[in-house]
N, C-alpha and C. Protein backbone atom coordinates (compact mmCIF):
# COMPACT_ATOMS: atom_id res chain seq x y z
N MET A 1 -35.28 74.30 -167.04
CA MET A 1 -34.84 74.18 -168.41
C MET A 1 -34.82 75.57 -169.04
N TYR A 2 -33.84 75.81 -169.90
CA TYR A 2 -33.62 77.12 -170.49
C TYR A 2 -33.77 77.08 -172.01
N LEU A 3 -34.48 78.08 -172.53
CA LEU A 3 -34.63 78.25 -173.97
C LEU A 3 -33.72 79.41 -174.37
N ILE A 4 -32.65 79.10 -175.05
CA ILE A 4 -31.62 80.09 -175.38
C ILE A 4 -32.00 80.84 -176.64
N ASP A 5 -32.04 82.16 -176.54
CA ASP A 5 -32.36 83.01 -177.68
C ASP A 5 -31.14 83.13 -178.60
N THR A 6 -31.38 83.64 -179.77
CA THR A 6 -30.36 83.74 -180.80
C THR A 6 -29.14 84.54 -180.35
N ASN A 7 -29.35 85.66 -179.66
CA ASN A 7 -28.20 86.49 -179.28
C ASN A 7 -27.25 85.76 -178.34
N HIS A 8 -27.76 84.95 -177.45
CA HIS A 8 -26.91 84.19 -176.54
C HIS A 8 -26.29 82.99 -177.26
N PHE A 9 -27.06 82.31 -178.08
CA PHE A 9 -26.53 81.13 -178.77
C PHE A 9 -25.46 81.52 -179.78
N ARG A 10 -25.64 82.65 -180.43
CA ARG A 10 -24.61 83.15 -181.36
C ARG A 10 -23.31 83.39 -180.61
N ARG A 11 -23.42 83.97 -179.42
CA ARG A 11 -22.22 84.23 -178.62
C ARG A 11 -21.58 82.94 -178.15
N LEU A 12 -22.39 81.92 -177.87
CA LEU A 12 -21.84 80.61 -177.53
C LEU A 12 -21.00 80.08 -178.68
N ILE A 13 -21.55 80.15 -179.88
CA ILE A 13 -20.82 79.68 -181.07
C ILE A 13 -19.52 80.46 -181.26
N GLN A 14 -19.54 81.73 -180.92
CA GLN A 14 -18.35 82.58 -181.05
C GLN A 14 -17.35 82.37 -179.92
N GLY A 15 -17.69 81.51 -178.95
CA GLY A 15 -16.75 81.18 -177.90
C GLY A 15 -16.83 82.03 -176.65
N ASP A 16 -17.95 82.72 -176.41
CA ASP A 16 -18.10 83.56 -175.23
C ASP A 16 -17.95 82.72 -173.96
N LEU A 17 -16.96 83.07 -173.15
CA LEU A 17 -16.66 82.29 -171.94
C LEU A 17 -17.74 82.41 -170.88
N THR A 18 -18.39 83.56 -170.78
CA THR A 18 -19.45 83.74 -169.80
C THR A 18 -20.62 82.80 -170.10
N ILE A 19 -21.00 82.71 -171.36
CA ILE A 19 -22.10 81.82 -171.77
C ILE A 19 -21.69 80.36 -171.53
N ARG A 20 -20.48 80.01 -171.93
CA ARG A 20 -20.01 78.63 -171.74
C ARG A 20 -20.00 78.24 -170.27
N GLN A 21 -19.56 79.16 -169.43
CA GLN A 21 -19.49 78.90 -167.99
C GLN A 21 -20.90 78.70 -167.41
N LYS A 22 -21.84 79.53 -167.82
CA LYS A 22 -23.21 79.41 -167.33
C LYS A 22 -23.83 78.08 -167.78
N ILE A 23 -23.57 77.68 -168.99
CA ILE A 23 -24.09 76.39 -169.48
C ILE A 23 -23.47 75.24 -168.69
N ALA A 24 -22.18 75.36 -168.37
CA ALA A 24 -21.53 74.33 -167.56
C ALA A 24 -22.17 74.26 -166.17
N GLU A 25 -22.56 75.42 -165.62
CA GLU A 25 -23.20 75.47 -164.30
C GLU A 25 -24.57 74.79 -164.31
N VAL A 26 -25.39 75.11 -165.32
CA VAL A 26 -26.76 74.56 -165.35
C VAL A 26 -26.81 73.17 -165.97
N GLY A 27 -25.81 72.83 -166.76
CA GLY A 27 -25.76 71.53 -167.43
C GLY A 27 -26.25 71.62 -168.85
N GLU A 28 -25.51 71.03 -169.75
CA GLU A 28 -25.87 71.08 -171.18
C GLU A 28 -27.24 70.49 -171.47
N SER A 29 -27.64 69.51 -170.66
CA SER A 29 -28.95 68.88 -170.88
C SER A 29 -30.10 69.81 -170.51
N GLU A 30 -29.80 70.93 -169.85
CA GLU A 30 -30.83 71.87 -169.42
C GLU A 30 -31.03 73.02 -170.40
N ILE A 31 -30.34 73.02 -171.53
CA ILE A 31 -30.52 74.10 -172.50
C ILE A 31 -31.08 73.55 -173.81
N ALA A 32 -31.84 74.40 -174.47
CA ALA A 32 -32.43 74.07 -175.76
C ALA A 32 -32.67 75.37 -176.51
N ILE A 33 -33.06 75.24 -177.76
CA ILE A 33 -33.42 76.40 -178.57
C ILE A 33 -34.75 76.11 -179.26
N SER A 34 -35.34 77.17 -179.76
CA SER A 34 -36.56 77.07 -180.56
C SER A 34 -36.18 76.88 -182.03
N ILE A 35 -37.05 76.29 -182.78
CA ILE A 35 -36.86 76.18 -184.23
C ILE A 35 -36.69 77.57 -184.85
N ILE A 36 -37.26 78.59 -184.22
CA ILE A 36 -37.13 79.97 -184.69
C ILE A 36 -35.67 80.41 -184.56
N THR A 37 -35.05 80.10 -183.42
CA THR A 37 -33.64 80.43 -183.22
C THR A 37 -32.77 79.70 -184.23
N GLN A 38 -33.08 78.44 -184.49
CA GLN A 38 -32.33 77.70 -185.49
C GLN A 38 -32.40 78.41 -186.84
N GLY A 39 -33.57 78.84 -187.23
CA GLY A 39 -33.73 79.56 -188.49
C GLY A 39 -32.93 80.86 -188.52
N GLU A 40 -32.95 81.60 -187.41
CA GLU A 40 -32.20 82.86 -187.35
C GLU A 40 -30.70 82.61 -187.44
N LEU A 41 -30.21 81.57 -186.77
CA LEU A 41 -28.78 81.23 -186.82
C LEU A 41 -28.36 80.83 -188.23
N LEU A 42 -29.18 80.02 -188.88
CA LEU A 42 -28.87 79.61 -190.25
C LEU A 42 -28.91 80.80 -191.21
N TYR A 43 -29.88 81.69 -191.01
CA TYR A 43 -29.94 82.90 -191.83
C TYR A 43 -28.65 83.71 -191.69
N MET A 44 -28.21 83.90 -190.44
CA MET A 44 -26.97 84.68 -190.22
C MET A 44 -25.79 84.04 -190.93
N ALA A 45 -25.71 82.72 -190.89
CA ALA A 45 -24.61 82.02 -191.56
C ALA A 45 -24.71 82.17 -193.08
N TYR A 46 -25.90 81.96 -193.63
CA TYR A 46 -26.10 82.09 -195.08
C TYR A 46 -25.86 83.53 -195.55
N ASN A 47 -26.09 84.48 -194.69
CA ASN A 47 -25.96 85.88 -195.05
C ASN A 47 -24.56 86.44 -194.77
N SER A 48 -23.66 85.60 -194.32
CA SER A 48 -22.32 86.06 -193.95
C SER A 48 -21.35 85.98 -195.12
N GLU A 49 -20.22 86.62 -194.96
CA GLU A 49 -19.18 86.58 -196.00
C GLU A 49 -18.47 85.22 -196.02
N GLN A 50 -18.37 84.57 -194.88
CA GLN A 50 -17.75 83.25 -194.79
C GLN A 50 -18.83 82.20 -194.61
N GLN A 51 -19.69 82.12 -195.61
CA GLN A 51 -20.90 81.33 -195.52
C GLN A 51 -20.63 79.87 -195.16
N GLN A 52 -19.78 79.19 -195.89
CA GLN A 52 -19.55 77.76 -195.67
C GLN A 52 -18.97 77.50 -194.27
N GLN A 53 -17.99 78.28 -193.88
CA GLN A 53 -17.37 78.12 -192.57
C GLN A 53 -18.39 78.36 -191.45
N ASN A 54 -19.18 79.40 -191.58
CA ASN A 54 -20.18 79.71 -190.56
C ASN A 54 -21.31 78.68 -190.51
N LEU A 55 -21.71 78.18 -191.67
CA LEU A 55 -22.73 77.12 -191.69
C LEU A 55 -22.22 75.88 -190.96
N GLU A 56 -20.97 75.52 -191.18
CA GLU A 56 -20.40 74.35 -190.50
C GLU A 56 -20.37 74.55 -188.99
N ARG A 57 -19.98 75.75 -188.55
CA ARG A 57 -19.93 76.03 -187.11
C ARG A 57 -21.32 75.98 -186.49
N VAL A 58 -22.29 76.61 -187.14
CA VAL A 58 -23.65 76.61 -186.62
C VAL A 58 -24.19 75.20 -186.55
N ARG A 59 -24.04 74.45 -187.61
CA ARG A 59 -24.57 73.07 -187.66
C ARG A 59 -23.90 72.18 -186.63
N ALA A 60 -22.62 72.40 -186.37
CA ALA A 60 -21.92 71.60 -185.35
C ALA A 60 -22.54 71.82 -183.97
N TYR A 61 -22.93 73.04 -183.67
CA TYR A 61 -23.57 73.32 -182.38
C TYR A 61 -25.01 72.84 -182.35
N LEU A 62 -25.69 72.91 -183.48
CA LEU A 62 -27.10 72.50 -183.52
C LEU A 62 -27.28 71.00 -183.27
N VAL A 63 -26.28 70.22 -183.61
CA VAL A 63 -26.36 68.76 -183.43
C VAL A 63 -26.57 68.38 -181.97
N ASP A 64 -25.95 69.15 -181.08
CA ASP A 64 -25.94 68.78 -179.66
C ASP A 64 -26.96 69.50 -178.79
N VAL A 65 -27.82 70.30 -179.37
CA VAL A 65 -28.75 71.09 -178.55
C VAL A 65 -30.18 70.60 -178.76
N GLY A 66 -30.96 70.63 -177.66
CA GLY A 66 -32.37 70.29 -177.77
C GLY A 66 -33.11 71.31 -178.63
N LEU A 67 -34.14 70.86 -179.31
CA LEU A 67 -34.86 71.73 -180.24
C LEU A 67 -36.36 71.63 -179.98
N TYR A 68 -36.99 72.78 -179.76
CA TYR A 68 -38.44 72.85 -179.58
C TYR A 68 -39.07 73.33 -180.87
N LEU A 69 -40.03 72.56 -181.35
CA LEU A 69 -40.76 72.90 -182.57
C LEU A 69 -42.03 73.67 -182.23
N ILE A 70 -42.63 74.26 -183.24
CA ILE A 70 -43.92 74.94 -183.10
C ILE A 70 -45.01 73.88 -183.26
N ASN A 71 -46.00 73.93 -182.38
CA ASN A 71 -47.13 73.00 -182.51
C ASN A 71 -48.44 73.80 -182.45
N GLU A 72 -49.55 73.10 -182.51
CA GLU A 72 -50.86 73.78 -182.52
C GLU A 72 -51.11 74.57 -181.24
N ALA A 73 -50.71 74.03 -180.11
CA ALA A 73 -50.93 74.73 -178.84
C ALA A 73 -50.11 76.02 -178.78
N ILE A 74 -48.88 75.98 -179.29
CA ILE A 74 -48.04 77.18 -179.32
C ILE A 74 -48.63 78.19 -180.30
N ALA A 75 -49.13 77.73 -181.43
CA ALA A 75 -49.76 78.64 -182.39
C ALA A 75 -50.98 79.31 -181.78
N GLU A 76 -51.77 78.57 -181.02
CA GLU A 76 -52.94 79.14 -180.33
C GLU A 76 -52.49 80.21 -179.33
N LEU A 77 -51.48 79.89 -178.54
CA LEU A 77 -50.95 80.84 -177.57
C LEU A 77 -50.39 82.08 -178.26
N TYR A 78 -49.70 81.87 -179.38
CA TYR A 78 -49.15 82.98 -180.16
C TYR A 78 -50.25 83.95 -180.58
N GLY A 79 -51.33 83.42 -181.13
CA GLY A 79 -52.44 84.27 -181.56
C GLY A 79 -53.05 85.05 -180.41
N GLN A 80 -53.27 84.40 -179.30
CA GLN A 80 -53.84 85.07 -178.12
C GLN A 80 -52.90 86.14 -177.58
N PHE A 81 -51.64 85.76 -177.40
CA PHE A 81 -50.66 86.67 -176.80
C PHE A 81 -50.41 87.87 -177.70
N LYS A 82 -50.33 87.64 -178.99
CA LYS A 82 -50.11 88.75 -179.93
C LYS A 82 -51.26 89.74 -179.85
N ALA A 83 -52.49 89.24 -179.80
CA ALA A 83 -53.66 90.12 -179.68
C ALA A 83 -53.60 90.91 -178.38
N GLU A 84 -53.22 90.25 -177.29
CA GLU A 84 -53.11 90.94 -175.99
C GLU A 84 -52.04 92.03 -176.04
N LEU A 85 -50.91 91.74 -176.67
CA LEU A 85 -49.83 92.73 -176.79
C LEU A 85 -50.26 93.94 -177.60
N ILE A 86 -50.95 93.70 -178.70
CA ILE A 86 -51.43 94.80 -179.55
C ILE A 86 -52.45 95.64 -178.78
N ARG A 87 -53.35 94.98 -178.05
CA ARG A 87 -54.34 95.72 -177.24
C ARG A 87 -53.65 96.55 -176.16
N HIS A 88 -52.63 95.99 -175.55
CA HIS A 88 -51.95 96.68 -174.45
C HIS A 88 -51.08 97.84 -174.92
N PHE A 89 -50.28 97.61 -175.96
CA PHE A 89 -49.30 98.61 -176.41
C PHE A 89 -49.74 99.40 -177.64
N GLY A 90 -50.71 98.89 -178.36
CA GLY A 90 -51.11 99.51 -179.62
C GLY A 90 -52.07 100.69 -179.43
N PRO A 91 -52.53 101.24 -180.54
CA PRO A 91 -53.47 102.36 -180.49
C PRO A 91 -54.77 101.94 -179.80
N LYS A 92 -55.40 102.90 -179.17
CA LYS A 92 -56.66 102.61 -178.48
C LYS A 92 -57.83 102.47 -179.46
N GLU A 93 -57.73 103.16 -180.60
CA GLU A 93 -58.79 103.08 -181.61
C GLU A 93 -58.74 101.71 -182.28
N ARG A 94 -59.85 101.02 -182.27
CA ARG A 94 -59.94 99.64 -182.76
C ARG A 94 -59.46 99.48 -184.20
N GLN A 95 -59.88 100.36 -185.09
CA GLN A 95 -59.49 100.25 -186.51
C GLN A 95 -57.98 100.37 -186.68
N LYS A 96 -57.37 101.30 -185.96
CA LYS A 96 -55.91 101.46 -186.05
C LYS A 96 -55.20 100.26 -185.43
N ARG A 97 -55.75 99.77 -184.34
CA ARG A 97 -55.15 98.63 -183.66
C ARG A 97 -55.15 97.39 -184.55
N ARG A 98 -56.21 97.21 -185.33
CA ARG A 98 -56.31 96.04 -186.22
C ARG A 98 -55.24 96.05 -187.30
N ARG A 99 -54.77 97.25 -187.67
CA ARG A 99 -53.74 97.36 -188.71
C ARG A 99 -52.32 97.44 -188.14
N THR A 100 -52.20 97.42 -186.82
CA THR A 100 -50.89 97.58 -186.18
C THR A 100 -50.09 96.29 -186.29
N LYS A 101 -48.88 96.42 -186.73
CA LYS A 101 -47.94 95.29 -186.81
C LYS A 101 -47.21 95.19 -185.47
N ILE A 102 -46.87 93.98 -185.06
CA ILE A 102 -46.24 93.75 -183.78
C ILE A 102 -44.90 94.49 -183.67
N GLU A 103 -44.18 94.59 -184.77
CA GLU A 103 -42.89 95.30 -184.77
C GLU A 103 -43.07 96.79 -184.47
N ALA A 104 -44.23 97.34 -184.80
CA ALA A 104 -44.50 98.76 -184.57
C ALA A 104 -44.60 99.08 -183.08
N ILE A 105 -44.83 98.07 -182.26
CA ILE A 105 -44.89 98.30 -180.81
C ILE A 105 -43.60 97.84 -180.12
N GLY A 106 -42.57 97.57 -180.91
CA GLY A 106 -41.26 97.25 -180.36
C GLY A 106 -41.04 95.80 -179.98
N ILE A 107 -41.78 94.90 -180.61
CA ILE A 107 -41.65 93.47 -180.32
C ILE A 107 -41.41 92.72 -181.62
N SER A 108 -40.37 91.90 -181.62
CA SER A 108 -40.05 91.07 -182.79
C SER A 108 -41.02 89.89 -182.86
N ASP A 109 -41.54 89.65 -184.05
CA ASP A 109 -42.44 88.51 -184.24
C ASP A 109 -41.73 87.20 -183.89
N ASN A 110 -40.46 87.07 -184.27
CA ASN A 110 -39.71 85.86 -183.94
C ASN A 110 -39.57 85.70 -182.43
N ASP A 111 -39.30 86.79 -181.72
CA ASP A 111 -39.19 86.70 -180.27
C ASP A 111 -40.52 86.35 -179.62
N LEU A 112 -41.60 86.76 -180.22
CA LEU A 112 -42.92 86.38 -179.71
C LEU A 112 -43.12 84.87 -179.84
N TRP A 113 -42.72 84.29 -180.97
CA TRP A 113 -42.79 82.84 -181.14
C TRP A 113 -41.94 82.13 -180.09
N ILE A 114 -40.74 82.66 -179.83
CA ILE A 114 -39.85 82.07 -178.83
C ILE A 114 -40.49 82.16 -177.45
N ALA A 115 -41.05 83.31 -177.11
CA ALA A 115 -41.71 83.47 -175.82
C ALA A 115 -42.86 82.48 -175.67
N CYS A 116 -43.65 82.33 -176.70
CA CYS A 116 -44.80 81.41 -176.64
C CYS A 116 -44.33 79.96 -176.47
N THR A 117 -43.24 79.61 -177.13
CA THR A 117 -42.67 78.27 -176.96
C THR A 117 -42.24 78.07 -175.51
N ALA A 118 -41.57 79.07 -174.95
CA ALA A 118 -41.11 78.99 -173.56
C ALA A 118 -42.29 78.90 -172.60
N ILE A 119 -43.30 79.71 -172.80
CA ILE A 119 -44.46 79.70 -171.92
C ILE A 119 -45.16 78.34 -171.98
N HIS A 120 -45.37 77.84 -173.18
CA HIS A 120 -46.07 76.56 -173.35
C HIS A 120 -45.34 75.42 -172.65
N HIS A 121 -44.01 75.41 -172.73
CA HIS A 121 -43.22 74.32 -172.17
C HIS A 121 -42.66 74.63 -170.78
N SER A 122 -43.06 75.78 -170.20
CA SER A 122 -42.57 76.21 -168.88
C SER A 122 -41.04 76.30 -168.83
N LEU A 123 -40.48 77.00 -169.81
CA LEU A 123 -39.04 77.19 -169.92
C LEU A 123 -38.67 78.62 -169.54
N THR A 124 -37.42 78.84 -169.19
CA THR A 124 -36.90 80.18 -168.94
C THR A 124 -36.19 80.66 -170.20
N VAL A 125 -36.61 81.80 -170.72
CA VAL A 125 -35.95 82.40 -171.89
C VAL A 125 -34.65 83.03 -171.43
N VAL A 126 -33.58 82.80 -172.19
CA VAL A 126 -32.29 83.43 -171.93
C VAL A 126 -32.02 84.34 -173.12
N SER A 127 -32.07 85.67 -172.87
CA SER A 127 -31.95 86.63 -173.96
C SER A 127 -31.52 87.99 -173.46
N ALA A 128 -30.92 88.76 -174.37
CA ALA A 128 -30.57 90.15 -174.10
C ALA A 128 -31.57 91.10 -174.77
N ASP A 129 -32.57 90.56 -175.44
CA ASP A 129 -33.53 91.40 -176.17
C ASP A 129 -34.54 92.04 -175.21
N SER A 130 -34.70 93.34 -175.34
CA SER A 130 -35.60 94.09 -174.46
C SER A 130 -37.07 93.80 -174.74
N ASP A 131 -37.39 93.25 -175.91
CA ASP A 131 -38.81 93.00 -176.18
C ASP A 131 -39.39 91.92 -175.27
N PHE A 132 -38.55 91.05 -174.72
CA PHE A 132 -39.07 90.08 -173.77
C PHE A 132 -39.55 90.77 -172.50
N SER A 133 -38.84 91.82 -172.07
CA SER A 133 -39.28 92.59 -170.91
C SER A 133 -40.62 93.27 -171.18
N ARG A 134 -40.79 93.77 -172.40
CA ARG A 134 -42.08 94.39 -172.77
C ARG A 134 -43.19 93.34 -172.76
N MET A 135 -42.91 92.17 -173.29
CA MET A 135 -43.92 91.11 -173.31
C MET A 135 -44.32 90.72 -171.89
N LYS A 136 -43.37 90.73 -170.97
CA LYS A 136 -43.65 90.35 -169.58
C LYS A 136 -44.62 91.32 -168.90
N GLU A 137 -44.76 92.52 -169.43
CA GLU A 137 -45.74 93.46 -168.89
C GLU A 137 -47.17 92.95 -169.10
N VAL A 138 -47.35 92.10 -170.09
CA VAL A 138 -48.68 91.58 -170.43
C VAL A 138 -48.87 90.16 -169.90
N LYS A 139 -47.84 89.33 -170.01
CA LYS A 139 -47.93 87.94 -169.55
C LYS A 139 -46.58 87.58 -168.93
N ASP A 140 -46.60 87.23 -167.66
CA ASP A 140 -45.35 86.97 -166.95
C ASP A 140 -44.78 85.60 -167.30
N PHE A 141 -43.50 85.56 -167.57
CA PHE A 141 -42.76 84.33 -167.80
C PHE A 141 -41.30 84.62 -167.46
N PRO A 142 -40.53 83.59 -167.09
CA PRO A 142 -39.16 83.83 -166.66
C PRO A 142 -38.21 84.15 -167.82
N VAL A 143 -37.40 85.19 -167.60
CA VAL A 143 -36.38 85.60 -168.57
C VAL A 143 -35.10 85.87 -167.80
N GLU A 144 -33.99 85.39 -168.32
CA GLU A 144 -32.68 85.65 -167.71
C GLU A 144 -31.72 86.21 -168.74
N LEU A 145 -30.76 86.95 -168.24
CA LEU A 145 -29.67 87.50 -169.05
C LEU A 145 -28.38 86.88 -168.53
N TRP A 146 -27.64 86.21 -169.40
CA TRP A 146 -26.41 85.53 -168.99
C TRP A 146 -25.16 86.30 -169.40
N LEU A 147 -25.28 87.46 -169.97
CA LEU A 147 -24.10 88.20 -170.43
C LEU A 147 -23.53 89.07 -169.32
């Protein structure tokens, strides 16, 4: 099962043939998104110049895709994994490390939530974002690039 990140799902909505072909190969029932990706897609639509048209397109695709929500186990994993990432990539001095934001070490907080969702449910993340590769240095999980 595949958890599609925002960059790939956005391209699907835009009609990318490579993404469509890969989904046809693995089967539509094998793909899903995180609630985080849904929020990012809706934000992009609301923030666009053609807001109504883009909202309709996004919502049309969201109807047919599986959706993973955040739960207590994912929140627990998020807290643990975030601390591990900060310890691994952040400053060695404890006081500085405590004030370090995850974005300062090159990892998106939203992508961390997506990774934790994938890890919890044993899913493969499909993304072009390099921060997943950085996260894999600390905790291994499957990531694919379909572009």
